[in-house]
PDB file of N, CA and C in Angstrom:
ATOM      1  N   UNK A   1      39.249 -34.661  56.212  1.00  0.00           N
ATOM      2  CA  UNK A   1      38.151 -34.416  55.297  1.00  0.00           C
ATOM      3  C   UNK A   1      37.813 -35.724  54.579  1.00  0.00           C
ATOM      4  N   UNK A   2      36.541 -36.138  54.605  1.00  0.00           N
ATOM      5  CA  UNK A   2      36.172 -37.386  53.942  1.00  0.00           C
ATOM      6  C   UNK A   2      36.295 -37.275  52.421  1.00  0.00           C
ATOM      7  N   UNK A   3      36.531 -38.419  51.801  1.00  0.00           N
ATOM      8  CA  UNK A   3      36.669 -38.459  50.348  1.00  0.00           C
ATOM      9  C   UNK A   3      35.357 -38.086  49.660  1.00  0.00           C
ATOM     10  N   UNK A   4      34.215 -38.539  50.230  1.00  0.00           N
ATOM     11  CA  UNK A   4      32.906 -38.266  49.646  1.00  0.00           C
ATOM     12  C   UNK A   4      32.113 -37.322  50.529  1.00  0.00           C
ATOM     13  N   UNK A   5      31.264 -36.511  49.886  1.00  0.00           N
ATOM     14  CA  UNK A   5      30.333 -35.661  50.601  1.00  0.00           C
ATOM     15  C   UNK A   5      29.010 -35.655  49.842  1.00  0.00           C
ATOM     16  N   UNK A   6      27.944 -35.491  50.591  1.00  0.00           N
ATOM     17  CA  UNK A   6      26.611 -35.380  50.012  1.00  0.00           C
ATOM     18  C   UNK A   6      25.968 -34.160  50.670  1.00  0.00           C
ATOM     19  N   UNK A   7      25.694 -33.098  49.885  1.00  0.00           N
ATOM     20  CA  UNK A   7      25.199 -31.857  50.484  1.00  0.00           C
ATOM     21  C   UNK A   7      23.835 -31.994  51.154  1.00  0.00           C
ATOM     22  N   UNK A   8      22.937 -32.735  50.579  1.00  0.00           N
ATOM     23  CA  UNK A   8      21.613 -33.003  51.152  1.00  0.00           C
ATOM     24  C   UNK A   8      21.414 -34.504  51.129  1.00  0.00           C
ATOM     25  N   UNK A   9      20.598 -35.007  52.045  1.00  0.00           N
ATOM     26  CA  UNK A   9      20.373 -36.446  52.033  1.00  0.00           C
ATOM     27  C   UNK A   9      19.680 -36.851  50.734  1.00  0.00           C
ATOM     28  N   UNK A  10      20.010 -38.049  50.269  1.00  0.00           N
ATOM     29  CA  UNK A  10      19.417 -38.561  49.033  1.00  0.00           C
ATOM     30  C   UNK A  10      18.699 -39.873  49.326  1.00  0.00           C
ATOM     31  N   UNK A  11      17.647 -40.121  48.576  1.00  0.00           N
ATOM     32  CA  UNK A  11      16.854 -41.336  48.708  1.00  0.00           C
ATOM     33  C   UNK A  11      17.193 -42.257  47.551  1.00  0.00           C
ATOM     34  N   UNK A  12      17.446 -43.526  47.865  1.00  0.00           N
ATOM     35  CA  UNK A  12      17.726 -44.512  46.829  1.00  0.00           C
ATOM     36  C   UNK A  12      16.775 -45.683  47.045  1.00  0.00           C
ATOM     37  N   UNK A  13      15.972 -45.967  46.028  1.00  0.00           N
ATOM     38  CA  UNK A  13      15.028 -47.070  46.106  1.00  0.00           C
ATOM     39  C   UNK A  13      15.708 -48.406  45.878  1.00  0.00           C
ATOM     40  N   UNK A  14      15.446 -49.357  46.782  1.00  0.00           N
ATOM     41  CA  UNK A  14      16.052 -50.683  46.707  1.00  0.00           C
ATOM     42  C   UNK A  14      15.003 -51.746  47.022  1.00  0.00           C
ATOM     43  N   UNK A  15      15.284 -52.971  46.638  1.00  0.00           N
ATOM     44  CA  UNK A  15      14.377 -54.069  46.965  1.00  0.00           C
ATOM     45  C   UNK A  15      14.765 -54.751  48.273  1.00  0.00           C
ATOM     46  N   UNK A  16      16.039 -54.680  48.655  1.00  0.00           N
ATOM     47  CA  UNK A  16      16.527 -55.297  49.891  1.00  0.00           C
ATOM     48  C   UNK A  16      17.389 -54.275  50.633  1.00  0.00           C
ATOM     49  N   UNK A  17      16.764 -53.522  51.541  1.00  0.00           N
ATOM     50  CA  UNK A  17      17.452 -52.438  52.243  1.00  0.00           C
ATOM     51  C   UNK A  17      18.624 -52.944  53.080  1.00  0.00           C
ATOM     52  N   UNK A  18      18.488 -54.105  53.707  1.00  0.00           N
ATOM     53  CA  UNK A  18      19.562 -54.623  54.556  1.00  0.00           C
ATOM     54  C   UNK A  18      20.814 -54.943  53.732  1.00  0.00           C
ATOM     55  N   UNK A  19      20.646 -55.623  52.606  1.00  0.00           N
ATOM     56  CA  UNK A  19      21.792 -55.941  51.740  1.00  0.00           C
ATOM     57  C   UNK A  19      22.394 -54.675  51.146  1.00  0.00           C
ATOM     58  N   UNK A  20      21.535 -53.755  50.721  1.00  0.00           N
ATOM     59  CA  UNK A  20      22.025 -52.497  50.157  1.00  0.00           C
ATOM     60  C   UNK A  20      22.790 -51.710  51.211  1.00  0.00           C
ATOM     61  N   UNK A  21      22.312 -51.704  52.445  1.00  0.00           N
ATOM     62  CA  UNK A  21      22.992 -51.005  53.532  1.00  0.00           C
ATOM     63  C   UNK A  21      24.399 -51.563  53.740  1.00  0.00           C
ATOM     64  N   UNK A  22      24.520 -52.875  53.751  1.00  0.00           N
ATOM     65  CA  UNK A  22      25.833 -53.505  53.900  1.00  0.00           C
ATOM     66  C   UNK A  22      26.750 -53.085  52.764  1.00  0.00           C
ATOM     67  N   UNK A  23      26.243 -53.062  51.532  1.00  0.00           N
ATOM     68  CA  UNK A  23      27.038 -52.673  50.367  1.00  0.00           C
ATOM     69  C   UNK A  23      27.535 -51.230  50.514  1.00  0.00           C
ATOM     70  N   UNK A  24      26.645 -50.305  50.853  1.00  0.00           N
ATOM     71  CA  UNK A  24      27.033 -48.892  50.988  1.00  0.00           C
ATOM     72  C   UNK A  24      28.037 -48.691  52.132  1.00  0.00           C
ATOM     73  N   UNK A  25      27.903 -49.487  53.174  1.00  0.00           N
ATOM     74  CA  UNK A  25      28.863 -49.386  54.272  1.00  0.00           C
ATOM     75  C   UNK A  25      30.243 -49.879  53.827  1.00  0.00           C
ATOM     76  N   UNK A  26      30.281 -51.004  53.128  1.00  0.00           N
ATOM     77  CA  UNK A  26      31.554 -51.573  52.671  1.00  0.00           C
ATOM     78  C   UNK A  26      32.206 -50.731  51.574  1.00  0.00           C
ATOM     79  N   UNK A  27      31.433 -50.255  50.622  1.00  0.00           N
ATOM     80  CA  UNK A  27      31.987 -49.583  49.443  1.00  0.00           C
ATOM     81  C   UNK A  27      32.236 -48.095  49.654  1.00  0.00           C
ATOM     82  N   UNK A  28      31.359 -47.404  50.402  1.00  0.00           N
ATOM     83  CA  UNK A  28      31.493 -45.959  50.573  1.00  0.00           C
ATOM     84  C   UNK A  28      31.902 -45.545  51.979  1.00  0.00           C
ATOM     85  N   UNK A  29      31.966 -46.508  52.898  1.00  0.00           N
ATOM     86  CA  UNK A  29      32.368 -46.181  54.259  1.00  0.00           C
ATOM     87  C   UNK A  29      31.284 -45.519  55.089  1.00  0.00           C
ATOM     88  N   UNK A  30      30.038 -45.664  54.691  1.00  0.00           N
ATOM     89  CA  UNK A  30      28.926 -45.097  55.455  1.00  0.00           C
ATOM     90  C   UNK A  30      28.635 -45.959  56.679  1.00  0.00           C
ATOM     91  N   UNK A  31      27.928 -45.383  57.641  1.00  0.00           N
ATOM     92  CA  UNK A  31      27.530 -46.108  58.843  1.00  0.00           C
ATOM     93  C   UNK A  31      26.021 -46.032  59.008  1.00  0.00           C
ATOM     94  N   UNK A  32      25.444 -47.131  59.469  1.00  0.00           N
ATOM     95  CA  UNK A  32      24.001 -47.168  59.686  1.00  0.00           C
ATOM     96  C   UNK A  32      23.662 -46.372  60.931  1.00  0.00           C
ATOM     97  N   UNK A  33      22.702 -45.444  60.796  1.00  0.00           N
ATOM     98  CA  UNK A  33      22.314 -44.631  61.950  1.00  0.00           C
ATOM     99  C   UNK A  33      20.861 -44.837  62.374  1.00  0.00           C
ATOM    100  N   UNK A  34      20.023 -45.378  61.494  1.00  0.00           N
ATOM    101  CA  UNK A  34      18.619 -45.563  61.842  1.00  0.00           C
ATOM    102  C   UNK A  34      17.982 -46.593  60.920  1.00  0.00           C
ATOM    103  N   UNK A  35      17.159 -47.460  61.509  1.00  0.00           N
ATOM    104  CA  UNK A  35      16.357 -48.412  60.744  1.00  0.00           C
ATOM    105  C   UNK A  35      14.909 -48.167  61.132  1.00  0.00           C
ATOM    106  N   UNK A  36      14.030 -48.027  60.154  1.00  0.00           N
ATOM    107  CA  UNK A  36      12.612 -47.832  60.462  1.00  0.00           C
ATOM    108  C   UNK A  36      11.768 -48.727  59.575  1.00  0.00           C
ATOM    109  N   UNK A  37      10.669 -49.183  60.142  1.00  0.00           N
ATOM    110  CA  UNK A  37       9.719 -50.005  59.392  1.00  0.00           C
ATOM    111  C   UNK A  37       8.479 -49.166  59.110  1.00  0.00           C
ATOM    112  N   UNK A  38       8.074 -49.175  57.851  1.00  0.00           N
ATOM    113  CA  UNK A  38       6.883 -48.444  57.433  1.00  0.00           C
ATOM    114  C   UNK A  38       5.980 -49.429  56.707  1.00  0.00           C
ATOM    115  N   UNK A  39       4.788 -49.005  56.355  1.00  0.00           N
ATOM    116  CA  UNK A  39       3.881 -49.878  55.620  1.00  0.00           C
ATOM    117  C   UNK A  39       4.499 -50.346  54.308  1.00  0.00           C
ATOM    118  N   UNK A  40       5.252 -49.459  53.654  1.00  0.00           N
ATOM    119  CA  UNK A  40       5.847 -49.792  52.359  1.00  0.00           C
ATOM    120  C   UNK A  40       7.068 -50.695  52.498  1.00  0.00           C
ATOM    121  N   UNK A  41       7.633 -50.809  53.705  1.00  0.00           N
ATOM    122  CA  UNK A  41       8.807 -51.656  53.913  1.00  0.00           C
ATOM    123  C   UNK A  41       9.857 -50.971  54.769  1.00  0.00           C
ATOM    124  N   UNK A  42      11.014 -51.604  54.836  1.00  0.00           N
ATOM    125  CA  UNK A  42      12.106 -51.123  55.679  1.00  0.00           C
ATOM    126  C   UNK A  42      12.870 -49.979  55.021  1.00  0.00           C
ATOM    127  N   UNK A  43      13.235 -48.976  55.827  1.00  0.00           N
ATOM    128  CA  UNK A  43      14.098 -47.880  55.379  1.00  0.00           C
ATOM    129  C   UNK A  43      15.295 -47.823  56.311  1.00  0.00           C
ATOM    130  N   UNK A  44      16.465 -47.579  55.738  1.00  0.00           N
ATOM    131  CA  UNK A  44      17.695 -47.497  56.517  1.00  0.00           C
ATOM    132  C   UNK A  44      18.390 -46.187  56.184  1.00  0.00           C
ATOM    133  N   UNK A  45      18.744 -45.444  57.231  1.00  0.00           N
ATOM    134  CA  UNK A  45      19.470 -44.191  57.066  1.00  0.00           C
ATOM    135  C   UNK A  45      20.945 -44.434  57.320  1.00  0.00           C
ATOM    136  N   UNK A  46      21.779 -43.867  56.445  1.00  0.00           N
ATOM    137  CA  UNK A  46      23.231 -44.019  56.539  1.00  0.00           C
ATOM    138  C   UNK A  46      23.874 -42.643  56.600  1.00  0.00           C
ATOM    139  N   UNK A  47      24.993 -42.548  57.323  1.00  0.00           N
ATOM    140  CA  UNK A  47      25.737 -41.305  57.436  1.00  0.00           C
ATOM    141  C   UNK A  47      27.225 -41.628  57.372  1.00  0.00           C
ATOM    142  N   UNK A  48      28.045 -40.585  57.198  1.00  0.00           N
ATOM    143  CA  UNK A  48      29.488 -40.801  57.145  1.00  0.00           C
ATOM    144  C   UNK A  48      30.091 -40.982  58.531  1.00  0.00           C
ATOM    145  N   UNK A  49      29.310 -40.703  59.588  1.00  0.00           N
ATOM    146  CA  UNK A  49      29.742 -40.994  60.950  1.00  0.00           C
ATOM    147  C   UNK A  49      28.501 -41.265  61.783  1.00  0.00           C
ATOM    148  N   UNK A  50      28.655 -41.950  62.905  1.00  0.00           N
ATOM    149  CA  UNK A  50      27.511 -42.295  63.751  1.00  0.00           C
ATOM    150  C   UNK A  50      26.750 -41.060  64.219  1.00  0.00           C
ATOM    151  N   UNK A  51      27.444 -39.941  64.379  1.00  0.00           N
ATOM    152  CA  UNK A  51      26.803 -38.717  64.846  1.00  0.00           C
ATOM    153  C   UNK A  51      26.508 -37.740  63.713  1.00  0.00           C
ATOM    154  N   UNK A  52      26.854 -38.128  62.492  1.00  0.00           N
ATOM    155  CA  UNK A  52      26.659 -37.238  61.360  1.00  0.00           C
ATOM    156  C   UNK A  52      25.224 -37.195  60.887  1.00  0.00           C
ATOM    157  N   UNK A  53      24.948 -36.218  60.044  1.00  0.00           N
ATOM    158  CA  UNK A  53      23.621 -36.108  59.458  1.00  0.00           C
ATOM    159  C   UNK A  53      23.434 -37.195  58.414  1.00  0.00           C
ATOM    160  N   UNK A  54      22.200 -37.628  58.244  1.00  0.00           N
ATOM    161  CA  UNK A  54      21.895 -38.668  57.272  1.00  0.00           C
ATOM    162  C   UNK A  54      22.334 -38.235  55.882  1.00  0.00           C
ATOM    163  N   UNK A  55      23.080 -39.116  55.210  1.00  0.00           N
ATOM    164  CA  UNK A  55      23.547 -38.844  53.856  1.00  0.00           C
ATOM    165  C   UNK A  55      22.669 -39.575  52.837  1.00  0.00           C
ATOM    166  N   UNK A  56      22.396 -40.846  53.114  1.00  0.00           N
ATOM    167  CA  UNK A  56      21.628 -41.679  52.176  1.00  0.00           C
ATOM    168  C   UNK A  56      20.526 -42.401  52.940  1.00  0.00           C
ATOM    169  N   UNK A  57      19.339 -42.398  52.355  1.00  0.00           N
ATOM    170  CA  UNK A  57      18.224 -43.170  52.888  1.00  0.00           C
ATOM    171  C   UNK A  57      17.920 -44.249  51.871  1.00  0.00           C
ATOM    172  N   UNK A  58      17.988 -45.491  52.300  1.00  0.00           N
ATOM    173  CA  UNK A  58      17.650 -46.636  51.457  1.00  0.00           C
ATOM    174  C   UNK A  58      16.241 -47.070  51.825  1.00  0.00           C
ATOM    175  N   UNK A  59      15.364 -47.135  50.843  1.00  0.00           N
ATOM    176  CA  UNK A  59      13.985 -47.497  51.135  1.00  0.00           C
ATOM    177  C   UNK A  59      13.349 -48.218  49.970  1.00  0.00           C
ATOM    178  N   UNK A  60      12.065 -48.487  50.085  1.00  0.00           N
ATOM    179  CA  UNK A  60      11.356 -49.250  49.047  1.00  0.00           C
ATOM    180  C   UNK A  60      11.515 -48.630  47.659  1.00  0.00           C
ATOM    181  N   UNK A  61      11.743 -49.497  46.689  1.00  0.00           N
ATOM    182  CA  UNK A  61      11.949 -49.063  45.311  1.00  0.00           C
ATOM    183  C   UNK A  61      10.704 -48.408  44.725  1.00  0.00           C
ATOM    184  N   UNK A  62       9.537 -48.701  45.244  1.00  0.00           N
ATOM    185  CA  UNK A  62       8.291 -48.164  44.684  1.00  0.00           C
ATOM    186  C   UNK A  62       8.181 -46.646  44.834  1.00  0.00           C
ATOM    187  N   UNK A  63       8.957 -46.067  45.751  1.00  0.00           N
ATOM    188  CA  UNK A  63       8.929 -44.618  45.924  1.00  0.00           C
ATOM    189  C   UNK A  63       9.721 -43.976  44.791  1.00  0.00           C
ATOM    190  N   UNK A  64       9.120 -43.056  44.025  1.00  0.00           N
ATOM    191  CA  UNK A  64       9.848 -42.445  42.908  1.00  0.00           C
ATOM    192  C   UNK A  64      11.016 -41.591  43.407  1.00  0.00           C
ATOM    193  N   UNK A  65      12.148 -41.673  42.716  1.00  0.00           N
ATOM    194  CA  UNK A  65      13.335 -40.948  43.145  1.00  0.00           C
ATOM    195  C   UNK A  65      13.610 -39.717  42.296  1.00  0.00           C
ATOM    196  N   UNK A  66      13.139 -39.646  41.086  1.00  0.00           N
ATOM    197  CA  UNK A  66      13.391 -38.475  40.237  1.00  0.00           C
ATOM    198  C   UNK A  66      14.755 -38.534  39.589  1.00  0.00           C
ATOM    199  N   UNK A  67      15.676 -37.702  40.051  1.00  0.00           N
ATOM    200  CA  UNK A  67      16.994 -37.581  39.432  1.00  0.00           C
ATOM    201  C   UNK A  67      17.965 -38.653  39.917  1.00  0.00           C
ATOM    202  N   UNK A  68      19.073 -38.766  39.176  1.00  0.00           N
ATOM    203  CA  UNK A  68      20.148 -39.671  39.563  1.00  0.00           C
ATOM    204  C   UNK A  68      20.857 -39.082  40.788  1.00  0.00           C
ATOM    205  N   UNK A  69      21.008 -39.865  41.863  1.00  0.00           N
ATOM    206  CA  UNK A  69      21.690 -39.357  43.060  1.00  0.00           C
ATOM    207  C   UNK A  69      23.127 -38.932  42.740  1.00  0.00           C
ATOM    208  N   UNK A  70      23.598 -37.880  43.445  1.00  0.00           N
ATOM    209  CA  UNK A  70      24.931 -37.347  43.186  1.00  0.00           C
ATOM    210  C   UNK A  70      25.734 -37.260  44.483  1.00  0.00           C
ATOM    211  N   UNK A  71      26.972 -37.707  44.396  1.00  0.00           N
ATOM    212  CA  UNK A  71      27.931 -37.575  45.484  1.00  0.00           C
ATOM    213  C   UNK A  71      29.041 -36.671  44.998  1.00  0.00           C
ATOM    214  N   UNK A  72      29.653 -35.926  45.920  1.00  0.00           N
ATOM    215  CA  UNK A  72      30.796 -35.090  45.580  1.00  0.00           C
ATOM    216  C   UNK A  72      32.057 -35.733  46.126  1.00  0.00           C
ATOM    217  N   UNK A  73      33.136 -35.635  45.366  1.00  0.00           N
ATOM    218  CA  UNK A  73      34.417 -36.199  45.789  1.00  0.00           C
ATOM    219  C   UNK A  73      35.460 -35.097  45.864  1.00  0.00           C
ATOM    220  N   UNK A  74      36.267 -35.125  46.925  1.00  0.00           N
ATOM    221  CA  UNK A  74      37.342 -34.133  47.066  1.00  0.00           C
ATOM    222  C   UNK A  74      38.442 -34.399  46.038  1.00  0.00           C
ATOM    223  N   UNK A  75      38.593 -35.658  45.629  1.00  0.00           N
ATOM    224  CA  UNK A  75      39.526 -36.029  44.563  1.00  0.00           C
ATOM    225  C   UNK A  75      38.850 -37.063  43.682  1.00  0.00           C
ATOM    226  N   UNK A  76      38.491 -36.661  42.475  1.00  0.00           N
ATOM    227  CA  UNK A  76      37.754 -37.553  41.575  1.00  0.00           C
ATOM    228  C   UNK A  76      38.567 -38.812  41.242  1.00  0.00           C
ATOM    229  N   UNK A  77      39.883 -38.663  41.059  1.00  0.00           N
ATOM    230  CA  UNK A  77      40.733 -39.807  40.736  1.00  0.00           C
ATOM    231  C   UNK A  77      40.815 -40.780  41.913  1.00  0.00           C
ATOM    232  N   UNK A  78      41.043 -40.242  43.121  1.00  0.00           N
ATOM    233  CA  UNK A  78      41.128 -41.106  44.311  1.00  0.00           C
ATOM    234  C   UNK A  78      39.812 -41.821  44.554  1.00  0.00           C
ATOM    235  N   UNK A  79      38.707 -41.111  44.378  1.00  0.00           N
ATOM    236  CA  UNK A  79      37.393 -41.715  44.590  1.00  0.00           C
ATOM    237  C   UNK A  79      37.175 -42.872  43.620  1.00  0.00           C
ATOM    238  N   UNK A  80      37.475 -42.646  42.357  1.00  0.00           N
ATOM    239  CA  UNK A  80      37.293 -43.697  41.345  1.00  0.00           C
ATOM    240  C   UNK A  80      38.199 -44.885  41.628  1.00  0.00           C
ATOM    241  N   UNK A  81      39.474 -44.619  41.934  1.00  0.00           N
ATOM    242  CA  UNK A  81      40.419 -45.697  42.229  1.00  0.00           C
ATOM    243  C   UNK A  81      39.979 -46.513  43.450  1.00  0.00           C
ATOM    244  N   UNK A  82      39.510 -45.821  44.496  1.00  0.00           N
ATOM    245  CA  UNK A  82      39.065 -46.523  45.700  1.00  0.00           C
ATOM    246  C   UNK A  82      37.870 -47.423  45.391  1.00  0.00           C
ATOM    247  N   UNK A  83      36.900 -46.898  44.639  1.00  0.00           N
ATOM    248  CA  UNK A  83      35.719 -47.694  44.298  1.00  0.00           C
ATOM    249  C   UNK A  83      36.095 -48.906  43.452  1.00  0.00           C
ATOM    250  N   UNK A  84      36.984 -48.721  42.492  1.00  0.00           N
ATOM    251  CA  UNK A  84      37.435 -49.852  41.669  1.00  0.00           C
ATOM    252  C   UNK A  84      38.096 -50.901  42.551  1.00  0.00           C
ATOM    253  N   UNK A  85      38.942 -50.462  43.492  1.00  0.00           N
ATOM    254  CA  UNK A  85      39.642 -51.414  44.370  1.00  0.00           C
ATOM    255  C   UNK A  85      38.662 -52.179  45.258  1.00  0.00           C
ATOM    256  N   UNK A  86      37.474 -51.624  45.469  1.00  0.00           N
ATOM    257  CA  UNK A  86      36.450 -52.286  46.276  1.00  0.00           C
ATOM    258  C   UNK A  86      35.429 -53.030  45.429  1.00  0.00           C
ATOM    259  N   UNK A  87      35.711 -53.169  44.128  1.00  0.00           N
ATOM    260  CA  UNK A  87      34.873 -53.972  43.249  1.00  0.00           C
ATOM    261  C   UNK A  87      33.624 -53.297  42.734  1.00  0.00           C
ATOM    262  N   UNK A  88      33.581 -51.971  42.752  1.00  0.00           N
ATOM    263  CA  UNK A  88      32.407 -51.234  42.282  1.00  0.00           C
ATOM    264  C   UNK A  88      32.534 -50.991  40.781  1.00  0.00           C
ATOM    265  N   UNK A  89      31.432 -51.151  40.066  1.00  0.00           N
ATOM    266  CA  UNK A  89      31.388 -50.884  38.629  1.00  0.00           C
ATOM    267  C   UNK A  89      31.309 -49.381  38.409  1.00  0.00           C
ATOM    268  N   UNK A  90      32.354 -48.806  37.772  1.00  0.00           N
ATOM    269  CA  UNK A  90      32.407 -47.362  37.523  1.00  0.00           C
ATOM    270  C   UNK A  90      32.700 -47.099  36.048  1.00  0.00           C
ATOM    271  N   UNK A  91      32.298 -45.915  35.589  1.00  0.00           N
ATOM    272  CA  UNK A  91      32.592 -45.503  34.210  1.00  0.00           C
ATOM    273  C   UNK A  91      33.920 -44.756  34.186  1.00  0.00           C
ATOM    274  N   UNK A  92      34.326 -44.374  32.994  1.00  0.00           N
ATOM    275  CA  UNK A  92      35.508 -43.522  32.844  1.00  0.00           C
ATOM    276  C   UNK A  92      35.168 -42.113  33.353  1.00  0.00           C
ATOM    277  N   UNK A  93      36.184 -41.352  33.702  1.00  0.00           N
ATOM    278  CA  UNK A  93      35.971 -39.964  34.094  1.00  0.00           C
ATOM    279  C   UNK A  93      35.649 -39.163  32.831  1.00  0.00           C
ATOM    280  N   UNK A  94      34.578 -38.394  32.893  1.00  0.00           N
ATOM    281  CA  UNK A  94      34.146 -37.569  31.764  1.00  0.00           C
ATOM    282  C   UNK A  94      34.099 -36.109  32.241  1.00  0.00           C
ATOM    283  N   UNK A  95      33.845 -35.213  31.297  1.00  0.00           N
ATOM    284  CA  UNK A  95      33.770 -33.793  31.615  1.00  0.00           C
ATOM    285  C   UNK A  95      32.518 -33.219  30.977  1.00  0.00           C
ATOM    286  N   UNK A  96      31.750 -32.440  31.767  1.00  0.00           N
ATOM    287  CA  UNK A  96      30.546 -31.832  31.196  1.00  0.00           C
ATOM    288  C   UNK A  96      30.894 -30.511  30.508  1.00  0.00           C
ATOM    289  N   UNK A  97      29.884 -29.829  29.975  1.00  0.00           N
ATOM    290  CA  UNK A  97      30.123 -28.593  29.212  1.00  0.00           C
ATOM    291  C   UNK A  97      30.738 -27.471  30.049  1.00  0.00           C
ATOM    292  N   UNK A  98      30.521 -27.506  31.361  1.00  0.00           N
ATOM    293  CA  UNK A  98      31.099 -26.483  32.232  1.00  0.00           C
ATOM    294  C   UNK A  98      32.519 -26.833  32.687  1.00  0.00           C
ATOM    295  N   UNK A  99      33.009 -27.997  32.278  1.00  0.00           N
ATOM    296  CA  UNK A  99      34.357 -28.412  32.651  1.00  0.00           C
ATOM    297  C   UNK A  99      34.435 -29.210  33.943  1.00  0.00           C
ATOM    298  N   UNK A 100      33.291 -29.560  34.529  1.00  0.00           N
ATOM    299  CA  UNK A 100      33.270 -30.357  35.753  1.00  0.00           C
ATOM    300  C   UNK A 100      33.475 -31.828  35.409  1.00  0.00           C
ATOM    301  N   UNK A 101      34.413 -32.452  36.092  1.00  0.00           N
ATOM    302  CA  UNK A 101      34.687 -33.869  35.842  1.00  0.00           C
ATOM    303  C   UNK A 101      33.819 -34.740  36.743  1.00  0.00           C
ATOM    304  N   UNK A 102      33.394 -35.881  36.198  1.00  0.00           N
ATOM    305  CA  UNK A 102      32.512 -36.783  36.921  1.00  0.00           C
ATOM    306  C   UNK A 102      32.646 -38.191  36.353  1.00  0.00           C
ATOM    307  N   UNK A 103      32.105 -39.168  37.092  1.00  0.00           N
ATOM    308  CA  UNK A 103      31.935 -40.527  36.581  1.00  0.00           C
ATOM    309  C   UNK A 103      30.674 -41.100  37.216  1.00  0.00           C
ATOM    310  N   UNK A 104      30.188 -42.184  36.663  1.00  0.00           N
ATOM    311  CA  UNK A 104      29.014 -42.838  37.234  1.00  0.00           C
ATOM    312  C   UNK A 104      29.426 -44.178  37.816  1.00  0.00           C
ATOM    313  N   UNK A 105      28.617 -44.644  38.748  1.00  0.00           N
ATOM    314  CA  UNK A 105      28.844 -45.950  39.368  1.00  0.00           C
ATOM    315  C   UNK A 105      27.503 -46.640  39.534  1.00  0.00           C
ATOM    316  N   UNK A 106      27.535 -47.927  39.737  1.00  0.00           N
ATOM    317  CA  UNK A 106      26.322 -48.723  39.962  1.00  0.00           C
ATOM    318  C   UNK A 106      26.423 -49.399  41.317  1.00  0.00           C
ATOM    319  N   UNK A 107      25.309 -49.379  42.054  1.00  0.00           N
ATOM    320  CA  UNK A 107      25.303 -50.049  43.346  1.00  0.00           C
ATOM    321  C   UNK A 107      24.911 -51.520  43.181  1.00  0.00           C
ATOM    322  N   UNK A 108      24.695 -52.185  44.294  1.00  0.00           N
ATOM    323  CA  UNK A 108      24.363 -53.609  44.326  1.00  0.00           C
ATOM    324  C   UNK A 108      23.128 -53.953  43.496  1.00  0.00           C
ATOM    325  N   UNK A 109      22.162 -53.016  43.429  1.00  0.00           N
ATOM    326  CA  UNK A 109      20.909 -53.250  42.709  1.00  0.00           C
ATOM    327  C   UNK A 109      20.864 -52.517  41.370  1.00  0.00           C
ATOM    328  N   UNK A 110      22.036 -52.130  40.866  1.00  0.00           N
ATOM    329  CA  UNK A 110      22.196 -51.449  39.580  1.00  0.00           C
ATOM    330  C   UNK A 110      21.620 -50.034  39.543  1.00  0.00           C
ATOM    331  N   UNK A 111      21.393 -49.421  40.696  1.00  0.00           N
ATOM    332  CA  UNK A 111      21.040 -47.998  40.720  1.00  0.00           C
ATOM    333  C   UNK A 111      22.273 -47.218  40.283  1.00  0.00           C
ATOM    334  N   UNK A 112      22.075 -46.241  39.406  1.00  0.00           N
ATOM    335  CA  UNK A 112      23.196 -45.435  38.936  1.00  0.00           C
ATOM    336  C   UNK A 112      23.332 -44.179  39.788  1.00  0.00           C
ATOM    337  N   UNK A 113      24.552 -43.916  40.242  1.00  0.00           N
ATOM    338  CA  UNK A 113      24.878 -42.712  41.009  1.00  0.00           C
ATOM    339  C   UNK A 113      25.983 -41.979  40.276  1.00  0.00           C
ATOM    340  N   UNK A 114      25.987 -40.664  40.396  1.00  0.00           N
ATOM    341  CA  UNK A 114      27.026 -39.866  39.794  1.00  0.00           C
ATOM    342  C   UNK A 114      27.978 -39.375  40.875  1.00  0.00           C
ATOM    343  N   UNK A 115      29.262 -39.482  40.605  1.00  0.00           N
ATOM    344  CA  UNK A 115      30.292 -38.928  41.492  1.00  0.00           C
ATOM    345  C   UNK A 115      30.946 -37.794  40.729  1.00  0.00           C
ATOM    346  N   UNK A 116      30.903 -36.598  41.288  1.00  0.00           N
ATOM    347  CA  UNK A 116      31.425 -35.419  40.600  1.00  0.00           C
ATOM    348  C   UNK A 116      32.412 -34.685  41.498  1.00  0.00           C
ATOM    349  N   UNK A 117      33.288 -33.893  40.869  1.00  0.00           N
ATOM    350  CA  UNK A 117      34.214 -33.088  41.635  1.00  0.00           C
ATOM    351  C   UNK A 117      33.449 -32.099  42.494  1.00  0.00           C
ATOM    352  N   UNK A 118      33.973 -31.815  43.682  1.00  0.00           N
ATOM    353  CA  UNK A 118      33.328 -30.813  44.524  1.00  0.00           C
ATOM    354  C   UNK A 118      33.320 -29.472  43.815  1.00  0.00           C
ATOM    355  N   UNK A 119      32.225 -28.737  43.914  1.00  0.00           N
ATOM    356  CA  UNK A 119      32.159 -27.432  43.253  1.00  0.00           C
ATOM    357  C   UNK A 119      33.119 -26.430  43.901  1.00  0.00           C
TER     358      UNK A 119
END
C-alpha cells in the first residue's frame, strides 16, 4: 500500500511544469505518465505508477485551482518524516475540529498542499 493516496486527480498550477514534475517525482515518488502541449502551455500528468490513474496534473498557473490540493497518508507521521528527509518544507501536525490530523507542505513553487490522515 503506498504511503500517499489521492482519491481524485488534482490540478496544480505551476510556472515551470518540467521542473515541478521532477520535484513531485523525487519528493512524492510519482511517475510521469503524459506530457501535453496546449495553447496555455505544457501540462504534465503524474501517477503513483506508470499504469496508474493520473493523480496530479501540473499545468499553467493561470488556470484557477480553487481549493488547496489534498493528499491522504496511510501514516501521517511516516509521511511527514519522509518529506522532511527529502527536504520538503512541512508544518507541524495539527488536528481539526473533527479530530482528523493533518499538516501542510509547500512544493517547489510554494504551492501549499495539505496531507491528511486517510478517512
